[in-house]
Amino acid sequence: MVAISYAHFPNFIRLKNGGVISLYDVIAPEKTVESLGWALVLGSFLILPFLGYLFYKFQQKEE
């Protein structure tokens, strides 16, 4: 999958009429990408500790 994506970069979608949808044509504004990045970082700080706790809790043997 990576090789196919790499070979067609930046033309990610090829249309039947010969046109393409380029990643450079549909890029989001910089502020939107920055906000999404911060949301992912903050969300991972909340989710990953609880995910680790769940793994720990379900790997314990019942007595």
N, C-alpha and C. Protein backbone atom coordinates (compact mmCIF):
# COMPACT_ATOMS: atom_id res chain seq x y z
N MET A 1 0.82 -1.18 0.00
CA MET A 1 0.00 0.00 0.00
C MET A 1 0.87 1.26 0.00
N VAL A 2 1.96 1.21 0.76
CA VAL A 2 2.85 2.37 0.81
C VAL A 2 3.51 2.58 -0.54
N ALA A 3 3.90 1.50 -1.20
CA ALA A 3 4.57 1.62 -2.50
C ALA A 3 3.63 2.22 -3.54
N ILE A 4 2.37 1.85 -3.52
CA ILE A 4 1.41 2.41 -4.47
C ILE A 4 1.21 3.89 -4.20
N SER A 5 1.06 4.25 -2.93
CA SER A 5 0.87 5.65 -2.58
C SER A 5 2.11 6.47 -2.93
N TYR A 6 3.28 5.92 -2.70
CA TYR A 6 4.52 6.64 -2.99
C TYR A 6 4.69 6.84 -4.49
N ALA A 7 4.29 5.87 -5.28
CA ALA A 7 4.47 5.97 -6.73
C ALA A 7 3.57 7.04 -7.33
N HIS A 8 2.40 7.28 -6.73
CA HIS A 8 1.45 8.25 -7.28
C HIS A 8 1.48 9.59 -6.58
N PHE A 9 2.35 9.78 -5.59
CA PHE A 9 2.40 11.03 -4.83
C PHE A 9 2.78 12.18 -5.74
N PRO A 10 2.20 13.32 -5.70
CA PRO A 10 1.11 13.80 -4.86
C PRO A 10 -0.27 13.58 -5.48
N ASN A 11 -0.34 12.95 -6.66
CA ASN A 11 -1.63 12.70 -7.30
C ASN A 11 -2.25 11.47 -6.66
N PHE A 12 -3.04 11.70 -5.61
CA PHE A 12 -3.51 10.61 -4.78
C PHE A 12 -4.69 9.88 -5.38
N ILE A 13 -5.57 10.60 -6.09
CA ILE A 13 -6.75 9.98 -6.71
C ILE A 13 -6.74 10.29 -8.19
N ARG A 14 -6.83 9.25 -9.00
CA ARG A 14 -6.90 9.42 -10.45
C ARG A 14 -8.33 9.19 -10.91
N LEU A 15 -8.85 10.14 -11.66
CA LEU A 15 -10.23 10.08 -12.12
C LEU A 15 -10.32 9.40 -13.48
N LYS A 16 -11.54 8.93 -13.84
CA LYS A 16 -11.72 8.24 -15.11
C LYS A 16 -11.46 9.14 -16.31
N ASN A 17 -11.74 10.43 -16.19
CA ASN A 17 -11.57 11.33 -17.33
C ASN A 17 -10.12 11.79 -17.50
N GLY A 18 -9.20 11.22 -16.73
CA GLY A 18 -7.78 11.55 -16.86
C GLY A 18 -7.31 12.60 -15.88
N GLY A 19 -8.22 13.21 -15.17
CA GLY A 19 -7.84 14.21 -14.18
C GLY A 19 -7.33 13.56 -12.91
N VAL A 20 -6.77 14.38 -12.06
CA VAL A 20 -6.26 13.88 -10.79
C VAL A 20 -6.67 14.83 -9.67
N ILE A 21 -6.73 14.28 -8.46
CA ILE A 21 -6.92 15.09 -7.28
C ILE A 21 -5.60 15.03 -6.53
N SER A 22 -4.94 16.16 -6.47
CA SER A 22 -3.61 16.24 -5.86
C SER A 22 -3.73 16.60 -4.39
N LEU A 23 -2.82 16.08 -3.58
CA LEU A 23 -2.81 16.43 -2.17
C LEU A 23 -2.49 17.91 -1.97
N TYR A 24 -1.76 18.48 -2.89
CA TYR A 24 -1.43 19.90 -2.79
C TYR A 24 -2.62 20.79 -3.11
N ASP A 25 -3.57 20.28 -3.89
CA ASP A 25 -4.75 21.08 -4.24
C ASP A 25 -5.79 21.10 -3.13
N VAL A 26 -5.84 20.08 -2.32
CA VAL A 26 -6.89 19.96 -1.31
C VAL A 26 -6.34 20.09 0.12
N ILE A 27 -5.20 20.73 0.28
CA ILE A 27 -4.59 20.85 1.59
C ILE A 27 -5.39 21.81 2.46
N ALA A 28 -5.48 21.50 3.73
CA ALA A 28 -6.21 22.34 4.68
C ALA A 28 -5.34 23.55 5.06
N PRO A 29 -5.97 24.61 5.53
CA PRO A 29 -5.18 25.76 5.99
C PRO A 29 -4.26 25.38 7.14
N GLU A 30 -3.17 26.11 7.28
CA GLU A 30 -2.14 25.77 8.27
C GLU A 30 -2.71 25.77 9.69
N LYS A 31 -3.59 26.70 10.01
CA LYS A 31 -4.18 26.78 11.34
C LYS A 31 -5.01 25.53 11.65
N THR A 32 -5.71 25.00 10.67
CA THR A 32 -6.51 23.79 10.86
C THR A 32 -5.61 22.59 11.14
N VAL A 33 -4.55 22.46 10.39
CA VAL A 33 -3.62 21.34 10.59
C VAL A 33 -2.95 21.45 11.96
N GLU A 34 -2.60 22.67 12.37
CA GLU A 34 -1.98 22.87 13.68
C GLU A 34 -2.96 22.51 14.80
N SER A 35 -4.21 22.92 14.67
CA SER A 35 -5.21 22.60 15.68
C SER A 35 -5.44 21.10 15.77
N LEU A 36 -5.48 20.43 14.64
CA LEU A 36 -5.65 18.98 14.62
C LEU A 36 -4.46 18.29 15.30
N GLY A 37 -3.27 18.77 15.05
CA GLY A 37 -2.08 18.20 15.67
C GLY A 37 -2.12 18.33 17.18
N TRP A 38 -2.48 19.52 17.68
CA TRP A 38 -2.57 19.72 19.13
C TRP A 38 -3.67 18.85 19.73
N ALA A 39 -4.80 18.71 19.03
CA ALA A 39 -5.89 17.86 19.54
C ALA A 39 -5.43 16.41 19.63
N LEU A 40 -4.67 15.94 18.66
CA LEU A 40 -4.16 14.56 18.70
C LEU A 40 -3.17 14.36 19.84
N VAL A 41 -2.32 15.32 20.07
CA VAL A 41 -1.34 15.22 21.16
C VAL A 41 -2.05 15.21 22.51
N LEU A 42 -2.95 16.16 22.72
CA LEU A 42 -3.66 16.22 24.00
C LEU A 42 -4.55 15.00 24.21
N GLY A 43 -5.19 14.54 23.15
CA GLY A 43 -6.02 13.35 23.26
C GLY A 43 -5.21 12.11 23.60
N SER A 44 -4.01 12.01 23.05
CA SER A 44 -3.18 10.84 23.36
C SER A 44 -2.72 10.86 24.81
N PHE A 45 -2.53 12.06 25.39
CA PHE A 45 -2.17 12.14 26.81
C PHE A 45 -3.32 11.65 27.69
N LEU A 46 -4.53 11.77 27.22
CA LEU A 46 -5.68 11.30 28.00
C LEU A 46 -5.96 9.82 27.76
N ILE A 47 -5.83 9.36 26.53
CA ILE A 47 -6.24 8.01 26.18
C ILE A 47 -5.17 6.96 26.50
N LEU A 48 -3.93 7.23 26.23
CA LEU A 48 -2.87 6.22 26.38
C LEU A 48 -2.69 5.72 27.82
N PRO A 49 -2.74 6.58 28.84
CA PRO A 49 -2.63 6.03 30.21
C PRO A 49 -3.77 5.07 30.54
N PHE A 50 -4.99 5.40 30.13
CA PHE A 50 -6.12 4.51 30.40
C PHE A 50 -6.03 3.22 29.60
N LEU A 51 -5.50 3.30 28.39
CA LEU A 51 -5.29 2.09 27.60
C LEU A 51 -4.26 1.18 28.28
N GLY A 52 -3.20 1.77 28.80
CA GLY A 52 -2.22 0.99 29.54
C GLY A 52 -2.82 0.36 30.78
N TYR A 53 -3.68 1.09 31.48
CA TYR A 53 -4.35 0.54 32.66
C TYR A 53 -5.24 -0.64 32.28
N LEU A 54 -5.96 -0.52 31.17
CA LEU A 54 -6.82 -1.62 30.73
C LEU A 54 -6.00 -2.86 30.39
N PHE A 55 -4.87 -2.70 29.70
CA PHE A 55 -4.01 -3.84 29.41
C PHE A 55 -3.52 -4.48 30.69
N TYR A 56 -3.11 -3.65 31.65
CA TYR A 56 -2.64 -4.16 32.93
C TYR A 56 -3.74 -4.92 33.66
N LYS A 57 -4.93 -4.35 33.69
CA LYS A 57 -6.03 -4.94 34.44
C LYS A 57 -6.50 -6.26 33.84
N PHE A 58 -6.56 -6.34 32.50
CA PHE A 58 -7.06 -7.56 31.87
C PHE A 58 -6.01 -8.66 31.77
N GLN A 59 -4.76 -8.35 32.03
CA GLN A 59 -3.73 -9.38 32.01
C GLN A 59 -3.54 -10.02 33.38
N GLN A 60 -4.14 -9.45 34.40
CA GLN A 60 -4.04 -10.04 35.73
C GLN A 60 -4.86 -11.31 35.80
N LYS A 61 -4.35 -12.29 36.51
CA LYS A 61 -5.08 -13.55 36.72
C LYS A 61 -6.06 -13.37 37.87
N GLU A 62 -7.23 -13.95 37.70
CA GLU A 62 -8.21 -13.90 38.79
C GLU A 62 -7.83 -14.92 39.85
N GLU A 63 -8.03 -14.54 41.09
CA GLU A 63 -7.67 -15.44 42.18
C GLU A 63 -8.88 -16.18 42.71
